[in-house]
Amino acid sequence: MARSDTRDAPPRRRRSFLQGLVYWGAVLFVWGLIFALAFLAVFAADLPDTSNLNAVRRQPSISYLDRSGALVSVRGSQYAPPVDLDKLPPYVPAAFVAIEDRWFYWHFGFNPWGIVRSQVYNLTHRGDGPLRGGSTITQQLARNLFLTMDQTYRRKAQELVLAIWLETKFTKKEILALYLNRVYFGAGAYGIEAAAQRYFGKPADQLTIGESALLAGMMKGPSRYSPVSSADRAARRATVVLNEMVRAGAITPAQRAEAIGTPVRVNPTLASQRAQYFTDWVDDQVRGLVGEPTEDLIVETTLDLPIQVSAEQALRAGVAGARGQGVQQGALVALDGEGRV
């Protein structure tokens, strides 16, 4: 009878710690690659058309002038020619990078740590105010160019895909220039040049540090941080931006102190909001005549702004003096001999 071999099999050699680390790292890499490909396949299937990147879709504006040619109001969206980043003071783009995306020059379209941090904040501060998005400047640009403002996971996923695409097609400088020339600043102004003209009555290349900080602070909410309707809140937000600019090395503490000590003067037309009821009435008349305009229009009116200011002051004083009789509001309509308002 044949003798069976009862010798034990050689013991299985165990992996060292380094070998195990390499092995599991490779496994995670493969599965991560599979997940990334699946992610792209699902969310890139119905991405919007990116061929019209430089096309601007906007509502034409109507500028209303008083009888002497002074600007009374602008209705509709205001765009301006794109600004060359090299012609802006360095602190202008630096203000936006400092407050919106401090890792802009180091990430590839998205910041994983920023996304995680924002989600943790949203979970722990539910119901305490606006949610944090964690979007980079590139993601914000992707949303502004191609997507809607819908707060859905699918839209956020597509935003991420488009941000990566933008990073592969453009340099950081080009992305930042596109962002500054397209982002919405409230009051119908799109882009840094239109915002500088709308809020301060000057070109973007003449913005001060304080004005740049104020505009950058509006990115958190153009209406909430408007220097026209919420001057105090806008000023506090601008101070936060200045602090971040110092932290990023964009300005010195001395420049910060000087900016805080220098009052920012908003465009008088916007700040006063003169003759808004009149402008509403005229706007209805104009649109009734021409329909929705297909190009920018300039409308000369019969209004006299200096008289308008005096009338507002007189009416305000009259209402204040009659509050004891229960008067809360008043109105004044003035016509000349030919029936002109």
Protein backbone atom coordinates (compact mmCIF):
# COMPACT_ATOMS: atom_id res chain seq x y z
CA MET A 1 0.00 0.00 0.00
CA ALA A 2 1.37 3.40 -1.01
CA ARG A 3 2.40 5.67 1.82
CA SER A 4 0.55 9.00 1.85
CA ASP A 5 2.49 12.24 2.08
CA THR A 6 1.58 13.76 5.42
CA ARG A 7 4.02 16.65 5.25
CA ASP A 8 2.43 20.05 6.10
CA ALA A 9 2.07 22.70 3.37
CA PRO A 10 4.49 25.60 3.74
CA PRO A 11 2.99 28.43 5.80
CA ARG A 12 1.44 31.26 3.83
CA ARG A 13 3.68 34.26 3.82
CA ARG A 14 2.06 37.31 5.43
CA ARG A 15 2.29 40.74 3.83
CA SER A 16 4.32 43.39 5.52
CA PHE A 17 2.64 46.63 6.58
CA LEU A 18 4.08 48.46 3.56
CA GLN A 19 2.93 45.73 1.17
CA GLY A 20 -0.55 45.81 2.68
CA LEU A 21 -0.65 49.56 2.33
CA VAL A 22 0.33 49.34 -1.33
CA TYR A 23 -2.19 46.53 -1.97
CA TRP A 24 -5.16 48.26 -0.38
CA GLY A 25 -4.13 51.57 -1.92
CA ALA A 26 -4.25 49.94 -5.34
CA VAL A 27 -7.67 48.42 -4.58
CA LEU A 28 -9.04 51.77 -3.46
CA PHE A 29 -7.58 53.45 -6.55
CA VAL A 30 -9.24 50.95 -8.89
CA TRP A 31 -12.61 51.27 -7.16
CA GLY A 32 -12.25 55.05 -7.06
CA LEU A 33 -11.55 55.07 -10.80
CA ILE A 34 -14.61 52.90 -11.43
CA PHE A 35 -16.74 55.22 -9.29
CA ALA A 36 -15.42 58.31 -11.09
CA LEU A 37 -16.17 56.81 -14.52
CA ALA A 38 -19.66 55.82 -13.40
CA PHE A 39 -20.18 59.30 -11.93
CA LEU A 40 -19.19 60.92 -15.23
CA ALA A 41 -21.33 58.53 -17.24
CA VAL A 42 -24.44 59.29 -15.18
CA PHE A 43 -24.17 63.04 -14.73
CA ALA A 44 -22.40 64.02 -17.95
CA ALA A 45 -25.07 62.40 -20.13
CA ASP A 46 -27.28 65.52 -20.29
CA LEU A 47 -24.85 68.34 -19.65
CA PRO A 48 -25.77 71.69 -21.23
CA ASP A 49 -24.15 72.87 -24.45
CA THR A 50 -20.77 74.46 -23.72
CA SER A 51 -20.08 75.68 -27.25
CA ASN A 52 -21.60 79.12 -26.60
CA LEU A 53 -19.28 79.95 -23.72
CA ASN A 54 -18.75 83.55 -24.82
CA ALA A 55 -22.37 84.24 -25.70
CA VAL A 56 -24.11 86.65 -23.33
CA ARG A 57 -27.86 86.26 -22.89
CA ARG A 58 -29.32 89.31 -21.26
CA GLN A 59 -32.33 91.54 -21.00
CA PRO A 60 -31.63 94.86 -22.78
CA SER A 61 -31.57 97.83 -20.42
CA ILE A 62 -33.53 101.08 -20.56
CA SER A 63 -31.78 104.17 -19.19
CA TYR A 64 -34.06 107.03 -18.10
CA LEU A 65 -32.65 110.57 -18.14
CA ASP A 66 -34.06 113.77 -16.66
CA ARG A 67 -34.67 116.91 -18.72
CA SER A 68 -31.00 117.97 -18.47
CA GLY A 69 -29.59 114.55 -19.35
CA ALA A 70 -28.81 113.35 -15.81
CA LEU A 71 -29.35 109.63 -15.20
CA VAL A 72 -32.52 108.95 -13.21
CA SER A 73 -32.67 105.16 -13.30
CA VAL A 74 -31.74 102.07 -15.30
CA ARG A 75 -34.17 99.22 -15.76
CA GLY A 76 -33.12 95.83 -17.03
CA SER A 77 -29.75 94.13 -16.96
CA GLN A 78 -26.55 96.08 -17.41
CA TYR A 79 -23.50 94.49 -19.02
CA ALA A 80 -20.23 96.16 -19.90
CA PRO A 81 -17.33 95.14 -22.15
CA PRO A 82 -15.12 92.45 -20.56
CA VAL A 83 -12.33 93.77 -18.37
CA ASP A 84 -8.73 92.71 -18.93
CA LEU A 85 -7.51 91.25 -15.64
CA ASP A 86 -4.05 92.76 -16.17
CA LYS A 87 -5.56 96.26 -16.23
CA LEU A 88 -7.21 95.90 -12.83
CA PRO A 89 -5.36 96.75 -9.61
CA PRO A 90 -4.08 93.43 -8.18
CA TYR A 91 -6.21 93.84 -5.06
CA VAL A 92 -9.46 93.71 -7.08
CA PRO A 93 -9.30 90.01 -8.11
CA ALA A 94 -7.45 89.25 -4.85
CA ALA A 95 -10.49 90.39 -2.86
CA PHE A 96 -12.71 87.82 -4.59
CA VAL A 97 -10.19 85.01 -4.24
CA ALA A 98 -9.62 85.80 -0.56
CA ILE A 99 -13.30 85.66 0.43
CA GLU A 100 -14.74 83.20 -2.10
CA ASP A 101 -12.02 80.63 -2.75
CA ARG A 102 -8.70 81.01 -0.93
CA TRP A 103 -7.37 77.76 -2.47
CA PHE A 104 -8.33 78.84 -6.00
CA TYR A 105 -4.79 78.61 -7.40
CA TRP A 106 -4.15 75.14 -5.93
CA HIS A 107 -7.29 73.08 -6.56
CA PHE A 108 -8.48 71.48 -9.80
CA GLY A 109 -11.98 72.92 -9.95
CA PHE A 110 -13.31 71.76 -6.60
CA ASN A 111 -12.14 71.67 -3.01
CA PRO A 112 -13.04 68.38 -1.27
CA TRP A 113 -12.27 69.78 2.16
CA GLY A 114 -14.46 72.80 1.49
CA ILE A 115 -17.35 70.57 0.42
CA VAL A 116 -17.04 68.40 3.54
CA ARG A 117 -16.72 71.41 5.83
CA SER A 118 -19.81 73.09 4.35
CA GLN A 119 -21.88 69.92 4.68
CA VAL A 120 -20.85 69.49 8.32
CA TYR A 121 -21.81 73.12 8.98
CA ASN A 122 -25.19 72.69 7.26
CA LEU A 123 -25.97 69.57 9.31
CA THR A 124 -24.99 71.19 12.61
CA HIS A 125 -26.60 74.58 11.91
CA ARG A 126 -29.85 73.51 10.28
CA GLY A 127 -32.40 76.29 10.53
CA ASP A 128 -29.82 78.87 11.68
CA GLY A 129 -29.70 80.84 8.45
CA PRO A 130 -28.47 80.44 4.86
CA LEU A 131 -26.78 77.15 4.02
CA ARG A 132 -23.15 77.07 2.96
CA GLY A 133 -22.38 75.72 -0.48
CA GLY A 134 -18.64 75.11 -0.46
CA SER A 135 -18.42 75.97 -4.16
CA THR A 136 -15.15 77.17 -5.63
CA ILE A 137 -14.89 80.11 -8.01
CA THR A 138 -14.68 77.61 -10.88
CA GLN A 139 -17.88 75.89 -9.73
CA GLN A 140 -19.64 79.23 -9.40
CA LEU A 141 -18.55 80.11 -12.93
CA ALA A 142 -19.84 76.77 -14.24
CA ARG A 143 -23.19 77.42 -12.57
CA ASN A 144 -23.44 80.98 -13.90
CA LEU A 145 -22.50 79.99 -17.44
CA PHE A 146 -24.38 76.76 -17.96
CA LEU A 147 -26.72 75.77 -15.11
CA THR A 148 -29.65 76.95 -13.04
CA MET A 149 -29.78 77.84 -9.34
CA ASP A 150 -31.75 74.68 -8.46
CA GLN A 151 -30.55 73.22 -5.16
CA THR A 152 -30.48 69.58 -6.26
CA TYR A 153 -27.77 66.95 -6.00
CA ARG A 154 -27.89 66.39 -9.76
CA ARG A 155 -27.24 70.07 -10.45
CA LYS A 156 -24.36 70.08 -7.94
CA ALA A 157 -22.90 66.99 -9.60
CA GLN A 158 -23.10 68.57 -13.05
CA GLU A 159 -21.55 71.73 -11.62
CA LEU A 160 -18.63 69.62 -10.43
CA VAL A 161 -18.18 67.96 -13.83
CA LEU A 162 -18.30 71.31 -15.65
CA ALA A 163 -15.84 72.85 -13.18
CA ILE A 164 -13.32 70.12 -13.95
CA TRP A 165 -13.93 70.68 -17.67
CA LEU A 166 -13.29 74.41 -17.27
CA GLU A 167 -10.03 73.71 -15.45
CA THR A 168 -8.84 71.55 -18.35
CA LYS A 169 -9.77 74.16 -20.99
CA PHE A 170 -8.64 77.41 -19.38
CA THR A 171 -5.87 78.78 -17.19
CA LYS A 172 -6.58 80.03 -13.69
CA LYS A 173 -6.20 83.59 -14.92
CA GLU A 174 -8.75 83.02 -17.71
CA ILE A 175 -11.21 81.39 -15.31
CA LEU A 176 -10.93 84.28 -12.87
CA ALA A 177 -11.40 86.80 -15.69
CA LEU A 178 -14.51 84.97 -16.93
CA TYR A 179 -15.86 84.87 -13.39
CA LEU A 180 -15.36 88.60 -12.73
CA ASN A 181 -16.88 89.52 -16.09
CA ARG A 182 -19.99 87.34 -15.68
CA VAL A 183 -20.94 87.24 -12.00
CA TYR A 184 -24.09 89.07 -10.83
CA PHE A 185 -23.69 92.04 -8.47
CA GLY A 186 -27.33 92.96 -7.97
CA ALA A 187 -29.12 96.09 -9.23
CA GLY A 188 -29.12 94.54 -12.71
CA ALA A 189 -25.31 94.69 -13.00
CA TYR A 190 -23.43 91.72 -14.46
CA GLY A 191 -19.64 91.78 -14.34
CA ILE A 192 -17.10 93.85 -12.43
CA GLU A 193 -17.13 96.75 -14.93
CA ALA A 194 -20.92 97.12 -14.87
CA ALA A 195 -20.89 96.88 -11.06
CA ALA A 196 -18.21 99.56 -10.71
CA GLN A 197 -20.19 101.87 -12.98
CA ARG A 198 -23.54 101.07 -11.36
CA TYR A 199 -22.47 101.39 -7.71
CA PHE A 200 -19.61 103.89 -7.81
CA GLY A 201 -19.88 105.69 -11.16
CA LYS A 202 -16.33 104.79 -12.18
CA PRO A 203 -14.52 102.15 -14.30
CA ALA A 204 -13.34 98.98 -12.61
CA ASP A 205 -9.66 99.86 -13.03
CA GLN A 206 -10.20 102.82 -10.66
CA LEU A 207 -11.74 100.84 -7.81
CA THR A 208 -10.23 101.39 -4.37
CA ILE A 209 -9.42 98.62 -1.91
CA GLY A 210 -12.54 99.41 0.11
CA GLU A 211 -14.78 99.41 -2.97
CA SER A 212 -13.26 96.12 -4.14
CA ALA A 213 -13.91 94.54 -0.73
CA LEU A 214 -17.49 95.76 -0.76
CA LEU A 215 -18.16 94.26 -4.21
CA ALA A 216 -16.47 90.97 -3.27
CA GLY A 217 -18.58 90.82 -0.12
CA MET A 218 -21.75 90.99 -2.20
CA MET A 219 -21.07 87.54 -3.66
CA LYS A 220 -22.60 85.99 -0.55
CA GLY A 221 -25.91 87.63 -1.48
CA PRO A 222 -26.15 90.66 -3.81
CA SER A 223 -29.45 91.89 -2.37
CA ARG A 224 -28.67 91.04 1.26
CA TYR A 225 -25.30 92.82 1.17
CA SER A 226 -26.21 95.68 -1.13
CA PRO A 227 -24.51 98.97 -0.20
CA VAL A 228 -27.71 100.74 -1.27
CA SER A 229 -30.41 98.94 0.72
CA SER A 230 -28.25 97.40 3.49
CA ALA A 231 -25.32 99.77 3.93
CA ASP A 232 -24.42 98.67 7.48
CA ARG A 233 -24.54 94.96 6.66
CA ALA A 234 -22.51 95.56 3.49
CA ALA A 235 -19.88 97.48 5.48
CA ARG A 236 -19.55 94.68 8.04
CA ARG A 237 -19.17 92.14 5.26
CA ALA A 238 -16.55 94.31 3.53
CA THR A 239 -14.56 94.34 6.79
CA VAL A 240 -14.59 90.53 6.78
CA VAL A 241 -13.25 90.61 3.21
CA LEU A 242 -10.48 93.04 4.20
CA ASN A 243 -9.48 90.74 7.07
CA GLU A 244 -9.27 87.80 4.67
CA MET A 245 -7.20 89.87 2.23
CA VAL A 246 -4.69 90.60 5.00
CA ARG A 247 -4.66 86.92 5.93
CA ALA A 248 -3.95 85.99 2.29
CA GLY A 249 -1.20 88.59 1.99
CA ALA A 250 -3.08 90.56 -0.67
CA ILE A 251 -2.91 93.78 1.35
CA THR A 252 -1.06 94.94 4.45
CA PRO A 253 -2.66 95.68 7.85
CA ALA A 254 -1.96 99.36 7.18
CA GLN A 255 -3.88 99.22 3.89
CA ARG A 256 -6.74 97.48 5.69
CA ALA A 257 -6.86 100.23 8.31
CA GLU A 258 -6.82 102.91 5.64
CA ALA A 259 -9.63 101.22 3.71
CA ILE A 260 -11.80 100.92 6.83
CA GLY A 261 -11.18 104.58 7.65
CA THR A 262 -12.08 105.80 4.14
CA PRO A 263 -15.85 106.10 3.53
CA VAL A 264 -17.12 104.35 0.41
CA ARG A 265 -19.46 106.60 -1.53
CA VAL A 266 -22.14 104.88 -3.56
CA ASN A 267 -23.33 106.31 -6.89
CA PRO A 268 -25.77 109.12 -5.90
CA THR A 269 -28.37 107.93 -8.39
CA LEU A 270 -28.48 104.50 -6.82
CA ALA A 271 -28.08 105.74 -3.26
CA SER A 272 -30.95 108.18 -3.45
CA GLN A 273 -33.31 105.99 -5.50
CA ARG A 274 -34.99 109.17 -6.68
CA ALA A 275 -38.29 109.21 -8.57
CA GLN A 276 -38.87 105.48 -8.49
CA TYR A 277 -42.67 105.81 -8.73
CA PHE A 278 -42.24 108.12 -11.72
CA THR A 279 -39.77 105.71 -13.32
CA ASP A 280 -42.16 102.79 -12.78
CA TRP A 281 -44.91 104.76 -14.51
CA VAL A 282 -42.70 105.80 -17.42
CA ASP A 283 -41.32 102.27 -17.76
CA ASP A 284 -44.85 100.91 -18.21
CA GLN A 285 -45.56 103.58 -20.85
CA VAL A 286 -42.36 102.82 -22.76
CA ARG A 287 -42.90 99.06 -22.76
CA GLY A 288 -46.48 99.62 -23.87
CA LEU A 289 -45.16 101.53 -26.88
CA VAL A 290 -42.17 99.41 -27.91
CA GLY A 291 -42.86 96.07 -26.20
CA GLU A 292 -39.91 94.24 -24.73
CA PRO A 293 -36.83 96.01 -26.13
CA THR A 294 -34.38 94.01 -28.23
CA GLU A 295 -31.52 96.47 -27.68
CA ASP A 296 -30.47 99.01 -25.07
CA LEU A 297 -32.62 102.14 -25.05
CA ILE A 298 -32.13 105.66 -23.69
CA VAL A 299 -35.33 107.52 -22.79
CA GLU A 300 -35.35 111.27 -22.13
CA THR A 301 -38.03 112.34 -19.66
CA THR A 302 -39.43 115.68 -18.46
CA LEU A 303 -38.35 115.09 -14.85
CA ASP A 304 -36.08 117.65 -13.19
CA LEU A 305 -33.91 115.90 -10.58
CA PRO A 306 -33.02 119.02 -8.52
CA ILE A 307 -36.73 119.89 -8.24
CA GLN A 308 -37.44 116.23 -7.44
CA VAL A 309 -34.98 116.37 -4.52
CA SER A 310 -36.53 119.55 -3.15
CA ALA A 311 -40.03 118.10 -3.50
CA GLU A 312 -39.04 114.95 -1.60
CA GLN A 313 -37.54 117.01 1.22
CA ALA A 314 -40.62 119.21 1.48
CA LEU A 315 -42.99 116.26 1.42
CA ARG A 316 -40.96 114.37 4.02
CA ALA A 317 -41.06 117.39 6.34
CA GLY A 318 -44.80 117.82 5.79
CA VAL A 319 -45.56 114.18 6.62
CA ALA A 320 -43.35 114.32 9.72
CA GLY A 321 -45.19 117.45 10.96
CA ALA A 322 -48.60 115.85 10.46
CA ARG A 323 -47.89 112.50 12.10
CA GLY A 324 -49.82 113.67 15.16
CA GLN A 325 -52.96 113.72 12.98
CA GLY A 326 -52.31 110.14 11.85
CA VAL A 327 -50.62 111.00 8.54
CA GLN A 328 -48.20 108.25 7.48
CA GLN A 329 -47.67 108.85 3.78
CA GLY A 330 -47.94 111.59 1.21
CA ALA A 331 -47.68 112.14 -2.50
CA LEU A 332 -46.87 115.09 -4.73
CA VAL A 333 -47.48 115.40 -8.45
CA ALA A 334 -46.18 118.51 -10.23
CA LEU A 335 -47.00 119.41 -13.84
CA ASP A 336 -45.92 122.37 -15.93
CA GLY A 337 -48.21 124.47 -18.08
CA GLU A 338 -48.07 121.94 -20.91
CA GLY A 339 -48.89 118.94 -18.73
CA ARG A 340 -45.34 117.62 -18.46
CA VAL A 341 -44.46 115.83 -15.21
